[in-house]
């Protein structure tokens, strides 16, 4: 694993854990309107779960990277980096939608905004979403780096490059035939 990739994976862990913690510890009570917790809102619960998954994956990929046998799984790393990025996108959009409704409401269906009553809750949710977006940016960069590593070694499907993408030199493959 090269230094930029390692640095991005190391950045993802505290960003995802901080986002998770900020949201998971988010609750606020009001005498008039009751209590709101992150666990009451499915979009926020999804964000917490995806943060946990991506932080665990980033940590596992760092811990497994020194092993030589792990290097042969570049395609798997590419797919998992892509999947992590997509999961972060979907959870960010779910949480952003909920936050948008909390801040502005939806007059067409008579939903009022609630952030004027639960300002601290909305503030912590915004911080969590910003940290989540930073983790997403890291995974987008990781996906690009993973794709570059795979396709620079293997070539794209129509390039005529060796399709098996093995690390074994070509002359050694020919001798084995």
N, C-alpha and C. Protein backbone atom coordinates (compact mmCIF):
# COMPACT_ATOMS: atom_id res chain seq x y z
N UNK A 1 0.85 -1.17 0.00
CA UNK A 1 0.00 0.00 0.00
C UNK A 1 0.90 1.24 0.00
N UNK A 2 0.64 2.13 -0.91
CA UNK A 2 1.44 3.34 -1.03
C UNK A 2 1.02 4.36 0.03
N UNK A 3 1.89 5.34 0.26
CA UNK A 3 1.68 6.33 1.31
C UNK A 3 0.38 7.13 1.15
N UNK A 4 0.03 7.64 -0.04
CA UNK A 4 -1.23 8.39 -0.14
C UNK A 4 -2.46 7.54 0.21
N UNK A 5 -2.44 6.29 -0.22
CA UNK A 5 -3.56 5.40 0.08
C UNK A 5 -3.62 5.11 1.59
N UNK A 6 -2.48 4.87 2.17
CA UNK A 6 -2.43 4.63 3.61
C UNK A 6 -2.91 5.86 4.39
N UNK A 7 -2.47 7.04 3.96
CA UNK A 7 -2.88 8.28 4.63
C UNK A 7 -4.39 8.49 4.54
N UNK A 8 -4.97 8.22 3.38
CA UNK A 8 -6.41 8.37 3.23
C UNK A 8 -7.17 7.38 4.10
N UNK A 9 -6.69 6.14 4.15
CA UNK A 9 -7.35 5.14 5.00
C UNK A 9 -7.23 5.52 6.48
N UNK A 10 -6.08 6.08 6.84
CA UNK A 10 -5.90 6.53 8.23
C UNK A 10 -6.80 7.73 8.54
N UNK A 11 -7.07 8.57 7.56
CA UNK A 11 -7.96 9.72 7.77
C UNK A 11 -9.42 9.29 7.91
N UNK A 12 -9.80 8.26 7.17
CA UNK A 12 -11.19 7.81 7.20
C UNK A 12 -11.60 7.37 8.60
N UNK A 13 -10.72 6.69 9.29
CA UNK A 13 -11.08 6.10 10.58
C UNK A 13 -11.54 7.16 11.59
N UNK A 14 -10.72 8.20 11.89
CA UNK A 14 -11.21 9.18 12.86
C UNK A 14 -12.41 9.99 12.37
N UNK A 15 -12.47 10.24 11.06
CA UNK A 15 -13.61 10.99 10.53
C UNK A 15 -14.91 10.19 10.69
N UNK A 16 -14.88 8.92 10.32
CA UNK A 16 -16.08 8.09 10.43
C UNK A 16 -16.45 7.86 11.89
N UNK A 17 -15.46 7.63 12.75
CA UNK A 17 -15.76 7.41 14.17
C UNK A 17 -16.28 8.69 14.82
N UNK A 18 -15.72 9.84 14.46
CA UNK A 18 -16.20 11.11 15.01
C UNK A 18 -17.63 11.39 14.55
N UNK A 19 -17.91 11.12 13.28
CA UNK A 19 -19.27 11.31 12.77
C UNK A 19 -20.24 10.37 13.49
N UNK A 20 -19.82 9.12 13.65
CA UNK A 20 -20.63 8.14 14.36
C UNK A 20 -20.91 8.60 15.80
N UNK A 21 -19.87 9.02 16.48
CA UNK A 21 -20.02 9.42 17.88
C UNK A 21 -20.90 10.66 18.01
N UNK A 22 -20.68 11.63 17.13
CA UNK A 22 -21.46 12.87 17.19
C UNK A 22 -22.95 12.57 17.00
N UNK A 23 -23.26 11.67 16.08
CA UNK A 23 -24.66 11.35 15.82
C UNK A 23 -25.22 10.41 16.89
N UNK A 24 -24.45 9.39 17.28
CA UNK A 24 -24.95 8.41 18.25
C UNK A 24 -25.19 9.02 19.63
N UNK A 25 -24.49 10.08 19.94
CA UNK A 25 -24.68 10.73 21.24
C UNK A 25 -25.66 11.91 21.13
N UNK A 26 -26.35 12.00 20.02
CA UNK A 26 -27.22 13.15 19.75
C UNK A 26 -28.64 12.89 20.25
N UNK A 27 -29.05 13.69 21.22
CA UNK A 27 -30.43 13.69 21.69
C UNK A 27 -30.69 15.04 22.37
N UNK A 28 -31.93 15.42 22.38
CA UNK A 28 -32.29 16.68 23.04
C UNK A 28 -33.74 16.57 23.49
N UNK A 29 -34.01 17.09 24.68
CA UNK A 29 -35.37 17.07 25.23
C UNK A 29 -35.89 18.50 25.33
N UNK A 30 -37.18 18.63 25.12
CA UNK A 30 -37.87 19.91 25.24
C UNK A 30 -39.13 19.66 26.07
N UNK A 31 -39.41 20.56 27.01
CA UNK A 31 -40.57 20.37 27.88
C UNK A 31 -41.88 20.33 27.10
N UNK A 32 -41.96 21.10 26.05
CA UNK A 32 -43.19 21.18 25.28
C UNK A 32 -43.33 20.05 24.26
N UNK A 33 -42.22 19.74 23.56
CA UNK A 33 -42.29 18.82 22.43
C UNK A 33 -41.71 17.43 22.71
N UNK A 34 -41.16 17.20 23.87
CA UNK A 34 -40.64 15.89 24.21
C UNK A 34 -39.17 15.74 23.86
N UNK A 35 -38.76 14.52 23.59
CA UNK A 35 -37.35 14.23 23.34
C UNK A 35 -37.17 13.69 21.92
N UNK A 36 -36.07 14.08 21.31
CA UNK A 36 -35.70 13.53 20.01
C UNK A 36 -34.32 12.91 20.15
N UNK A 37 -34.17 11.69 19.60
CA UNK A 37 -32.90 10.98 19.61
C UNK A 37 -32.59 10.54 18.19
N UNK A 38 -31.30 10.35 17.91
CA UNK A 38 -30.92 9.91 16.57
C UNK A 38 -31.58 8.59 16.22
N UNK A 39 -31.76 7.72 17.22
CA UNK A 39 -32.32 6.38 16.97
C UNK A 39 -33.79 6.43 16.57
N UNK A 40 -34.45 7.57 16.75
CA UNK A 40 -35.84 7.73 16.33
C UNK A 40 -35.95 8.00 14.83
N UNK A 41 -34.83 8.29 14.19
CA UNK A 41 -34.84 8.73 12.79
C UNK A 41 -34.00 7.75 11.97
N UNK A 42 -34.65 7.04 11.06
CA UNK A 42 -33.98 5.97 10.32
C UNK A 42 -32.80 6.47 9.48
N UNK A 43 -32.89 7.65 8.91
CA UNK A 43 -31.77 8.19 8.12
C UNK A 43 -30.53 8.40 8.96
N UNK A 44 -30.71 8.83 10.20
CA UNK A 44 -29.57 9.03 11.09
C UNK A 44 -29.02 7.70 11.60
N UNK A 45 -29.89 6.74 11.84
CA UNK A 45 -29.45 5.41 12.26
C UNK A 45 -28.63 4.75 11.15
N UNK A 46 -29.06 4.92 9.92
CA UNK A 46 -28.35 4.39 8.76
C UNK A 46 -26.96 5.02 8.66
N UNK A 47 -26.88 6.32 8.87
CA UNK A 47 -25.59 7.02 8.84
C UNK A 47 -24.64 6.46 9.89
N UNK A 48 -25.12 6.21 11.08
CA UNK A 48 -24.29 5.65 12.15
C UNK A 48 -23.79 4.26 11.76
N UNK A 49 -24.67 3.43 11.24
CA UNK A 49 -24.28 2.08 10.84
C UNK A 49 -23.24 2.08 9.73
N UNK A 50 -23.42 2.91 8.73
CA UNK A 50 -22.46 2.97 7.62
C UNK A 50 -21.12 3.52 8.09
N UNK A 51 -21.13 4.48 9.00
CA UNK A 51 -19.87 4.97 9.56
C UNK A 51 -19.12 3.86 10.26
N UNK A 52 -19.83 3.02 11.00
CA UNK A 52 -19.19 1.90 11.69
C UNK A 52 -18.59 0.92 10.69
N UNK A 53 -19.34 0.60 9.65
CA UNK A 53 -18.87 -0.36 8.64
C UNK A 53 -17.64 0.18 7.91
N UNK A 54 -17.67 1.42 7.48
CA UNK A 54 -16.54 1.97 6.71
C UNK A 54 -15.30 2.17 7.57
N UNK A 55 -15.48 2.54 8.83
CA UNK A 55 -14.32 2.66 9.72
C UNK A 55 -13.69 1.28 9.95
N UNK A 56 -14.52 0.27 10.15
CA UNK A 56 -14.00 -1.09 10.36
C UNK A 56 -13.29 -1.59 9.10
N UNK A 57 -13.86 -1.33 7.93
CA UNK A 57 -13.21 -1.75 6.69
C UNK A 57 -11.87 -1.04 6.49
N UNK A 58 -11.83 0.27 6.76
CA UNK A 58 -10.58 1.01 6.61
C UNK A 58 -9.51 0.45 7.55
N UNK A 59 -9.89 0.17 8.78
CA UNK A 59 -8.94 -0.39 9.75
C UNK A 59 -8.47 -1.78 9.31
N UNK A 60 -9.39 -2.63 8.87
CA UNK A 60 -9.02 -3.97 8.43
C UNK A 60 -8.09 -3.92 7.22
N UNK A 61 -8.36 -3.02 6.29
CA UNK A 61 -7.50 -2.93 5.10
C UNK A 61 -6.10 -2.43 5.46
N UNK A 62 -5.99 -1.58 6.46
CA UNK A 62 -4.67 -1.12 6.92
C UNK A 62 -3.93 -2.27 7.60
N UNK A 63 -4.63 -2.99 8.46
CA UNK A 63 -3.99 -4.08 9.20
C UNK A 63 -3.58 -5.24 8.29
N UNK A 64 -4.33 -5.48 7.21
CA UNK A 64 -4.01 -6.58 6.30
C UNK A 64 -3.03 -6.19 5.20
N UNK A 65 -2.80 -4.92 5.00
CA UNK A 65 -1.95 -4.46 3.89
C UNK A 65 -0.51 -4.95 3.94
N UNK A 66 0.13 -5.16 5.08
CA UNK A 66 1.52 -5.64 5.06
C UNK A 66 1.70 -7.06 4.54
N UNK A 67 0.64 -7.84 4.50
CA UNK A 67 0.76 -9.23 4.07
C UNK A 67 0.83 -9.31 2.55
N UNK A 68 1.80 -10.02 2.05
CA UNK A 68 2.00 -10.16 0.60
C UNK A 68 0.78 -10.77 -0.08
N UNK A 69 0.16 -11.74 0.54
CA UNK A 69 -0.99 -12.40 -0.08
C UNK A 69 -2.15 -11.42 -0.27
N UNK A 70 -2.21 -10.38 0.55
CA UNK A 70 -3.28 -9.38 0.44
C UNK A 70 -3.13 -8.55 -0.83
N UNK A 71 -1.90 -8.38 -1.30
CA UNK A 71 -1.64 -7.56 -2.48
C UNK A 71 -2.26 -8.15 -3.74
N UNK A 72 -2.50 -9.44 -3.77
CA UNK A 72 -3.08 -10.06 -4.97
C UNK A 72 -4.58 -9.80 -5.09
N UNK A 73 -5.16 -9.15 -4.12
CA UNK A 73 -6.59 -8.89 -4.12
C UNK A 73 -6.92 -7.44 -4.49
N UNK A 74 -6.17 -6.87 -5.43
CA UNK A 74 -6.40 -5.48 -5.83
C UNK A 74 -7.82 -5.26 -6.35
N UNK A 75 -8.35 -6.22 -7.10
CA UNK A 75 -9.72 -6.09 -7.60
C UNK A 75 -10.71 -6.05 -6.45
N UNK A 76 -10.51 -6.89 -5.46
CA UNK A 76 -11.41 -6.91 -4.31
C UNK A 76 -11.36 -5.58 -3.56
N UNK A 77 -10.15 -5.05 -3.38
CA UNK A 77 -9.99 -3.75 -2.71
C UNK A 77 -10.72 -2.66 -3.51
N UNK A 78 -10.57 -2.70 -4.83
CA UNK A 78 -11.28 -1.72 -5.67
C UNK A 78 -12.79 -1.83 -5.47
N UNK A 79 -13.31 -3.03 -5.49
CA UNK A 79 -14.76 -3.21 -5.33
C UNK A 79 -15.21 -2.75 -3.94
N UNK A 80 -14.45 -3.10 -2.91
CA UNK A 80 -14.82 -2.71 -1.55
C UNK A 80 -14.70 -1.20 -1.34
N UNK A 81 -13.68 -0.58 -1.94
CA UNK A 81 -13.56 0.88 -1.86
C UNK A 81 -14.74 1.56 -2.54
N UNK A 82 -15.12 1.02 -3.73
CA UNK A 82 -16.27 1.57 -4.44
C UNK A 82 -17.54 1.38 -3.62
N UNK A 83 -17.74 0.19 -3.08
CA UNK A 83 -18.93 -0.08 -2.28
C UNK A 83 -19.00 0.84 -1.06
N UNK A 84 -17.86 1.05 -0.41
CA UNK A 84 -17.83 1.95 0.75
C UNK A 84 -18.20 3.37 0.35
N UNK A 85 -17.67 3.83 -0.76
CA UNK A 85 -18.00 5.17 -1.24
C UNK A 85 -19.49 5.29 -1.54
N UNK A 86 -20.06 4.28 -2.20
CA UNK A 86 -21.49 4.32 -2.52
C UNK A 86 -22.35 4.27 -1.26
N UNK A 87 -21.96 3.45 -0.30
CA UNK A 87 -22.71 3.40 0.96
C UNK A 87 -22.65 4.74 1.69
N UNK A 88 -21.48 5.37 1.66
CA UNK A 88 -21.36 6.69 2.29
C UNK A 88 -22.22 7.72 1.57
N UNK A 89 -22.31 7.64 0.25
CA UNK A 89 -23.17 8.56 -0.50
C UNK A 89 -24.63 8.37 -0.11
N UNK A 90 -25.08 7.11 -0.07
CA UNK A 90 -26.50 6.87 0.23
C UNK A 90 -26.85 7.29 1.65
N UNK A 91 -25.96 7.02 2.59
CA UNK A 91 -26.27 7.40 3.98
C UNK A 91 -26.19 8.91 4.16
N UNK A 92 -25.28 9.57 3.45
CA UNK A 92 -25.21 11.03 3.52
C UNK A 92 -26.47 11.66 2.95
N UNK A 93 -26.95 11.10 1.85
CA UNK A 93 -28.17 11.68 1.26
C UNK A 93 -29.39 11.44 2.14
N UNK A 94 -29.47 10.28 2.77
CA UNK A 94 -30.58 10.01 3.68
C UNK A 94 -30.57 10.96 4.86
N UNK A 95 -29.40 11.16 5.44
CA UNK A 95 -29.28 12.06 6.60
C UNK A 95 -29.50 13.51 6.19
N UNK A 96 -29.01 13.89 5.02
CA UNK A 96 -29.18 15.27 4.55
C UNK A 96 -30.66 15.57 4.29
N UNK A 97 -31.39 14.58 3.77
CA UNK A 97 -32.82 14.79 3.54
C UNK A 97 -33.55 15.03 4.86
N UNK A 98 -33.25 14.22 5.86
CA UNK A 98 -33.88 14.38 7.16
C UNK A 98 -33.53 15.74 7.76
N UNK A 99 -32.28 16.11 7.65
CA UNK A 99 -31.83 17.40 8.19
C UNK A 99 -32.49 18.56 7.45
N UNK A 100 -32.63 18.45 6.15
CA UNK A 100 -33.31 19.49 5.36
C UNK A 100 -34.76 19.65 5.82
N UNK A 101 -35.45 18.53 6.01
CA UNK A 101 -36.83 18.60 6.51
C UNK A 101 -36.89 19.19 7.91
N UNK A 102 -35.93 18.85 8.77
CA UNK A 102 -35.91 19.38 10.13
C UNK A 102 -35.67 20.89 10.12
N UNK A 103 -34.83 21.34 9.22
CA UNK A 103 -34.50 22.78 9.16
C UNK A 103 -35.60 23.62 8.50
N UNK A 104 -36.21 23.09 7.45
CA UNK A 104 -37.13 23.91 6.66
C UNK A 104 -38.56 23.39 6.61
N UNK A 105 -38.78 22.15 7.02
CA UNK A 105 -40.11 21.57 6.96
C UNK A 105 -40.55 21.32 5.52
N UNK A 106 -41.80 20.97 5.36
CA UNK A 106 -42.39 20.78 4.04
C UNK A 106 -43.83 21.26 4.13
N UNK A 107 -44.05 22.48 3.71
CA UNK A 107 -45.38 23.10 3.84
C UNK A 107 -46.45 22.38 3.01
N UNK A 108 -46.04 21.73 1.92
CA UNK A 108 -47.03 21.04 1.07
C UNK A 108 -47.73 19.91 1.81
N UNK A 109 -47.06 19.30 2.77
CA UNK A 109 -47.67 18.21 3.54
C UNK A 109 -47.84 18.59 5.02
N UNK A 110 -47.72 19.87 5.29
CA UNK A 110 -47.94 20.43 6.64
C UNK A 110 -46.94 19.95 7.68
N UNK A 111 -45.69 19.73 7.25
CA UNK A 111 -44.63 19.43 8.21
C UNK A 111 -43.91 20.71 8.54
N UNK A 112 -43.90 21.06 9.79
CA UNK A 112 -43.19 22.26 10.21
C UNK A 112 -41.73 21.96 10.48
N UNK A 113 -40.93 22.99 10.47
CA UNK A 113 -39.51 22.82 10.82
C UNK A 113 -39.41 22.60 12.33
N UNK A 114 -38.38 21.87 12.74
CA UNK A 114 -38.24 21.56 14.16
C UNK A 114 -36.92 22.05 14.75
N UNK A 115 -36.04 22.56 13.92
CA UNK A 115 -34.73 22.97 14.43
C UNK A 115 -34.81 24.19 15.35
N UNK A 116 -35.87 24.97 15.25
CA UNK A 116 -36.01 26.10 16.18
C UNK A 116 -36.30 25.60 17.59
N UNK A 117 -36.86 24.40 17.71
CA UNK A 117 -37.14 23.80 19.02
C UNK A 117 -36.02 22.88 19.49
N UNK A 118 -35.35 22.25 18.54
CA UNK A 118 -34.28 21.30 18.84
C UNK A 118 -32.99 21.74 18.14
N UNK A 119 -32.56 22.95 18.43
CA UNK A 119 -31.40 23.54 17.77
C UNK A 119 -30.10 22.78 18.01
N UNK A 120 -29.86 22.35 19.24
CA UNK A 120 -28.64 21.60 19.55
C UNK A 120 -28.62 20.27 18.80
N UNK A 121 -29.75 19.61 18.73
CA UNK A 121 -29.85 18.34 18.01
C UNK A 121 -29.51 18.55 16.53
N UNK A 122 -30.09 19.57 15.92
CA UNK A 122 -29.82 19.85 14.51
C UNK A 122 -28.36 20.26 14.29
N UNK A 123 -27.80 20.99 15.23
CA UNK A 123 -26.39 21.39 15.12
C UNK A 123 -25.45 20.20 15.15
N UNK A 124 -25.70 19.28 16.08
CA UNK A 124 -24.86 18.08 16.16
C UNK A 124 -25.04 17.19 14.92
N UNK A 125 -26.26 17.12 14.41
CA UNK A 125 -26.50 16.34 13.19
C UNK A 125 -25.76 16.96 12.00
N UNK A 126 -25.70 18.28 11.95
CA UNK A 126 -24.97 18.96 10.88
C UNK A 126 -23.47 18.69 10.97
N UNK A 127 -22.92 18.73 12.17
CA UNK A 127 -21.50 18.42 12.36
C UNK A 127 -21.21 16.98 11.95
N UNK A 128 -22.07 16.06 12.36
CA UNK A 128 -21.90 14.66 12.01
C UNK A 128 -21.94 14.47 10.50
N UNK A 129 -22.85 15.15 9.83
CA UNK A 129 -22.97 15.04 8.38
C UNK A 129 -21.74 15.62 7.69
N UNK A 130 -21.18 16.70 8.22
CA UNK A 130 -19.96 17.29 7.64
C UNK A 130 -18.78 16.34 7.78
N UNK A 131 -18.63 15.71 8.94
CA UNK A 131 -17.56 14.73 9.14
C UNK A 131 -17.75 13.53 8.22
N UNK A 132 -18.99 13.13 8.05
CA UNK A 132 -19.34 12.03 7.16
C UNK A 132 -18.97 12.37 5.72
N UNK A 133 -19.23 13.59 5.32
CA UNK A 133 -18.88 14.04 3.97
C UNK A 133 -17.36 14.03 3.75
N UNK A 134 -16.60 14.36 4.79
CA UNK A 134 -15.14 14.32 4.69
C UNK A 134 -14.66 12.87 4.52
N UNK A 135 -15.27 11.94 5.26
CA UNK A 135 -14.94 10.52 5.09
C UNK A 135 -15.31 10.05 3.69
N UNK A 136 -16.42 10.54 3.18
CA UNK A 136 -16.83 10.20 1.82
C UNK A 136 -15.79 10.70 0.80
N UNK A 137 -15.31 11.92 0.98
CA UNK A 137 -14.28 12.46 0.07
C UNK A 137 -13.02 11.59 0.09
N UNK A 138 -12.65 11.10 1.27
CA UNK A 138 -11.50 10.20 1.36
C UNK A 138 -11.74 8.91 0.59
N UNK A 139 -12.95 8.36 0.69
CA UNK A 139 -13.24 7.11 -0.02
C UNK A 139 -13.37 7.31 -1.52
N UNK A 140 -13.81 8.47 -1.94
CA UNK A 140 -13.82 8.76 -3.38
C UNK A 140 -12.38 8.77 -3.90
N UNK A 141 -11.49 9.45 -3.16
CA UNK A 141 -10.07 9.46 -3.55
C UNK A 141 -9.47 8.05 -3.51
N UNK A 142 -9.82 7.28 -2.49
CA UNK A 142 -9.34 5.89 -2.41
C UNK A 142 -9.83 5.06 -3.59
N UNK A 143 -11.06 5.26 -3.99
CA UNK A 143 -11.60 4.54 -5.14
C UNK A 143 -10.83 4.87 -6.41
N UNK A 144 -10.49 6.13 -6.57
CA UNK A 144 -9.71 6.55 -7.74
C UNK A 144 -8.32 5.93 -7.71
N UNK A 145 -7.68 5.96 -6.54
CA UNK A 145 -6.36 5.35 -6.41
C UNK A 145 -6.40 3.84 -6.63
N UNK A 146 -7.41 3.18 -6.10
CA UNK A 146 -7.54 1.73 -6.29
C UNK A 146 -7.75 1.40 -7.76
N UNK A 147 -8.59 2.17 -8.41
CA UNK A 147 -8.85 1.93 -9.84
C UNK A 147 -7.58 2.17 -10.65
N UNK A 148 -6.85 3.21 -10.32
CA UNK A 148 -5.61 3.49 -11.03
C UNK A 148 -4.62 2.34 -10.86
N UNK A 149 -4.51 1.84 -9.62
CA UNK A 149 -3.58 0.73 -9.36
C UNK A 149 -3.98 -0.51 -10.16
N UNK A 150 -5.26 -0.86 -10.15
CA UNK A 150 -5.72 -2.05 -10.86
C UNK A 150 -5.55 -1.89 -12.37
N UNK A 151 -6.01 -0.78 -12.90
CA UNK A 151 -6.01 -0.62 -14.35
C UNK A 151 -4.65 -0.26 -14.92
N UNK A 152 -3.75 0.27 -14.11
CA UNK A 152 -2.40 0.52 -14.62
C UNK A 152 -1.63 -0.79 -14.72
N UNK A 153 -1.96 -1.74 -13.87
CA UNK A 153 -1.31 -3.04 -13.91
C UNK A 153 -1.97 -3.96 -14.94
N UNK A 154 -3.25 -3.89 -15.07
CA UNK A 154 -3.99 -4.82 -15.91
C UNK A 154 -4.39 -4.23 -17.26
N UNK A 155 -4.53 -2.96 -17.32
CA UNK A 155 -5.05 -2.36 -18.54
C UNK A 155 -6.57 -2.46 -18.54
N UNK A 156 -7.23 -1.61 -19.31
CA UNK A 156 -8.68 -1.71 -19.39
C UNK A 156 -9.04 -2.86 -20.33
N UNK A 157 -10.25 -3.34 -20.31
CA UNK A 157 -10.62 -4.56 -21.04
C UNK A 157 -10.35 -4.51 -22.54
N UNK A 158 -10.40 -3.37 -23.18
CA UNK A 158 -10.23 -3.28 -24.62
C UNK A 158 -8.83 -2.86 -25.03
N UNK A 159 -7.90 -2.83 -24.09
CA UNK A 159 -6.55 -2.36 -24.39
C UNK A 159 -5.67 -3.45 -25.01
N UNK A 160 -6.10 -4.68 -24.91
CA UNK A 160 -5.27 -5.78 -25.40
C UNK A 160 -4.20 -6.17 -24.40
N UNK A 161 -4.23 -5.58 -23.20
CA UNK A 161 -3.24 -5.92 -22.17
C UNK A 161 -3.55 -7.31 -21.63
N UNK A 162 -2.59 -7.88 -20.94
CA UNK A 162 -2.73 -9.22 -20.38
C UNK A 162 -3.95 -9.25 -19.46
N UNK A 163 -4.87 -10.14 -19.72
CA UNK A 163 -6.14 -10.16 -19.01
C UNK A 163 -6.06 -10.76 -17.62
N UNK A 164 -5.04 -11.58 -17.34
CA UNK A 164 -5.03 -12.24 -16.03
C UNK A 164 -4.47 -11.36 -14.92
N UNK A 165 -3.78 -10.28 -15.24
CA UNK A 165 -3.30 -9.29 -14.26
C UNK A 165 -2.44 -9.90 -13.18
N UNK A 166 -1.76 -10.96 -13.44
CA UNK A 166 -0.93 -11.58 -12.41
C UNK A 166 0.36 -10.79 -12.24
N UNK A 167 0.97 -10.93 -11.09
CA UNK A 167 2.23 -10.25 -10.81
C UNK A 167 3.41 -11.01 -11.39
N UNK A 168 3.17 -12.22 -11.89
CA UNK A 168 4.22 -13.06 -12.43
C UNK A 168 4.69 -12.48 -13.77
N UNK A 169 5.99 -12.40 -14.01
CA UNK A 169 6.47 -11.88 -15.29
C UNK A 169 5.97 -12.73 -16.45
N UNK A 170 5.77 -12.08 -17.60
CA UNK A 170 5.19 -12.75 -18.75
C UNK A 170 6.05 -13.93 -19.22
N UNK A 171 7.40 -13.79 -19.19
CA UNK A 171 8.25 -14.88 -19.66
C UNK A 171 8.14 -16.11 -18.75
N UNK A 172 7.87 -15.90 -17.47
CA UNK A 172 7.69 -17.03 -16.54
C UNK A 172 6.39 -17.75 -16.85
N UNK A 173 5.37 -17.01 -17.27
CA UNK A 173 4.11 -17.64 -17.63
C UNK A 173 4.29 -18.50 -18.88
N UNK A 174 5.05 -17.98 -19.85
CA UNK A 174 5.26 -18.73 -21.09
C UNK A 174 6.05 -19.99 -20.85
N UNK A 175 7.04 -19.96 -19.93
CA UNK A 175 7.84 -21.14 -19.62
C UNK A 175 7.01 -22.22 -18.94
N UNK A 176 5.99 -21.81 -18.20
CA UNK A 176 5.16 -22.76 -17.49
C UNK A 176 4.21 -23.50 -18.39
N UNK A 177 4.05 -23.05 -19.64
CA UNK A 177 3.10 -23.71 -20.57
C UNK A 177 3.64 -24.99 -21.11
